[in-house]
Amino acid sequence: EDDLRVKRSDAWKPLDGSTPIGLLDLREDTCRWPIGEDRPYSWCGQPVAKGVYCAAHHALAYTGIPAPRVRP
């Protein structure tokens, strides 16, 4: 079984063995995780596992830790 964990420090880098895709190549079944730290011009593009992300990026996005509250 593949290790689907992504280190937070590598969150904006392409997954090993994957090739990011451009905006015009996004489809309903491709992962929409942005690739690039500044201004993302590409996306993960791996097959969607749940929601809009592949399994690796879904695990990174939804950790189960509540977001901090922001006071106005």
C-alpha atoms as a PDB file:
ATOM      1  CA  GLU A   1       0.000   0.000   0.000  1.00  0.00           C
ATOM      2  CA  ASP A   2       1.288   3.474  -0.884  1.00  0.00           C
ATOM      3  CA  ASP A   3       2.211   5.918   1.839  1.00  0.00           C
ATOM      4  CA  LEU A   4      -0.280   8.743   1.292  1.00  0.00           C
ATOM      5  CA  ARG A   5       1.221  11.128   3.832  1.00  0.00           C
ATOM      6  CA  VAL A   6       2.608  14.438   2.636  1.00  0.00           C
ATOM      7  CA  LYS A   7       4.903  16.465   4.882  1.00  0.00           C
ATOM      8  CA  ARG A   8       3.554  19.939   5.552  1.00  0.00           C
ATOM      9  CA  SER A   9       6.902  21.372   4.433  1.00  0.00           C
ATOM     10  CA  ASP A  10       6.333  19.721   1.032  1.00  0.00           C
ATOM     11  CA  ALA A  11       2.653  20.687   0.754  1.00  0.00           C
ATOM     12  CA  TRP A  12       3.111  22.923  -2.307  1.00  0.00           C
ATOM     13  CA  LYS A  13       5.546  20.647  -4.143  1.00  0.00           C
ATOM     14  CA  PRO A  14       4.400  18.057  -6.717  1.00  0.00           C
ATOM     15  CA  LEU A  15       3.815  14.546  -5.375  1.00  0.00           C
ATOM     16  CA  ASP A  16       6.566  12.050  -6.162  1.00  0.00           C
ATOM     17  CA  GLY A  17       6.022  10.593  -9.610  1.00  0.00           C
ATOM     18  CA  SER A  18       3.325  13.110 -10.583  1.00  0.00           C
ATOM     19  CA  THR A  19       3.257  15.871 -13.166  1.00  0.00           C
ATOM     20  CA  PRO A  20       1.247  18.978 -12.265  1.00  0.00           C
ATOM     21  CA  ILE A  21      -1.343  20.195 -14.763  1.00  0.00           C
ATOM     22  CA  GLY A  22      -2.410  23.629 -15.954  1.00  0.00           C
ATOM     23  CA  LEU A  23      -5.738  25.365 -15.557  1.00  0.00           C
ATOM     24  CA  LEU A  24      -7.063  24.252 -18.930  1.00  0.00           C
ATOM     25  CA  ASP A  25      -6.379  20.600 -18.070  1.00  0.00           C
ATOM     26  CA  LEU A  26      -8.392  20.565 -14.805  1.00  0.00           C
ATOM     27  CA  ARG A  27     -11.432  18.285 -14.886  1.00  0.00           C
ATOM     28  CA  GLU A  28     -13.962  17.130 -12.293  1.00  0.00           C
ATOM     29  CA  ASP A  29     -11.880  14.036 -11.609  1.00  0.00           C
ATOM     30  CA  THR A  30      -8.469  15.742 -11.169  1.00  0.00           C
ATOM     31  CA  CYS A  31      -7.032  16.967  -7.877  1.00  0.00           C
ATOM     32  CA  ARG A  32      -7.245  20.728  -7.452  1.00  0.00           C
ATOM     33  CA  TRP A  33      -4.423  21.090  -4.907  1.00  0.00           C
ATOM     34  CA  PRO A  34      -2.311  24.118  -5.968  1.00  0.00           C
ATOM     35  CA  ILE A  35       1.347  23.516  -6.769  1.00  0.00           C
ATOM     36  CA  GLY A  36       3.792  26.357  -6.164  1.00  0.00           C
ATOM     37  CA  GLU A  37       4.427  28.502  -3.096  1.00  0.00           C
ATOM     38  CA  ASP A  38       3.892  32.008  -4.442  1.00  0.00           C
ATOM     39  CA  ARG A  39       1.219  32.115  -7.087  1.00  0.00           C
ATOM     40  CA  PRO A  40       0.131  28.677  -8.204  1.00  0.00           C
ATOM     41  CA  TYR A  41      -0.068  28.280 -11.933  1.00  0.00           C
ATOM     42  CA  SER A  42      -0.471  24.519 -11.793  1.00  0.00           C
ATOM     43  CA  TRP A  43      -2.432  21.935  -9.852  1.00  0.00           C
ATOM     44  CA  CYS A  44      -1.776  18.389  -8.643  1.00  0.00           C
ATOM     45  CA  GLY A  45      -3.842  16.665 -11.351  1.00  0.00           C
ATOM     46  CA  GLN A  46      -3.875  13.202  -9.750  1.00  0.00           C
ATOM     47  CA  PRO A  47      -7.198  11.310  -9.707  1.00  0.00           C
ATOM     48  CA  VAL A  48      -9.674  12.637  -7.137  1.00  0.00           C
ATOM     49  CA  ALA A  49     -10.274  10.334  -4.174  1.00  0.00           C
ATOM     50  CA  LYS A  50     -12.703  12.425  -2.132  1.00  0.00           C
ATOM     51  CA  GLY A  51     -14.089  15.908  -2.672  1.00  0.00           C
ATOM     52  CA  VAL A  52     -11.719  17.856  -4.914  1.00  0.00           C
ATOM     53  CA  TYR A  53      -8.404  16.323  -3.788  1.00  0.00           C
ATOM     54  CA  CYS A  54      -6.435  13.134  -4.373  1.00  0.00           C
ATOM     55  CA  ALA A  55      -5.996  10.864  -1.347  1.00  0.00           C
ATOM     56  CA  ALA A  56      -2.645  12.401  -0.318  1.00  0.00           C
ATOM     57  CA  HIS A  57      -3.839  15.994  -0.483  1.00  0.00           C
ATOM     58  CA  HIS A  58      -7.195  15.162   1.105  1.00  0.00           C
ATOM     59  CA  ALA A  59      -5.329  13.702   4.093  1.00  0.00           C
ATOM     60  CA  LEU A  60      -3.248  16.878   4.322  1.00  0.00           C
ATOM     61  CA  ALA A  61      -6.209  19.253   3.967  1.00  0.00           C
ATOM     62  CA  TYR A  62      -8.524  17.514   6.431  1.00  0.00           C
ATOM     63  CA  THR A  63      -6.520  16.707   9.536  1.00  0.00           C
ATOM     64  CA  GLY A  64      -9.468  16.737  11.920  1.00  0.00           C
ATOM     65  CA  ILE A  65      -7.895  19.612  13.851  1.00  0.00           C
ATOM     66  CA  PRO A  66     -10.351  22.497  14.182  1.00  0.00           C
ATOM     67  CA  ALA A  67      -9.291  25.755  12.549  1.00  0.00           C
ATOM     68  CA  PRO A  68      -8.348  28.513  14.987  1.00  0.00           C
ATOM     69  CA  ARG A  69     -10.987  31.125  15.654  1.00  0.00           C
ATOM     70  CA  VAL A  70     -10.240  34.584  14.354  1.00  0.00           C
ATOM     71  CA  ARG A  71     -11.452  37.533  16.384  1.00  0.00           C
ATOM     72  CA  PRO A  72     -12.676  40.596  14.498  1.00  0.00           C
END
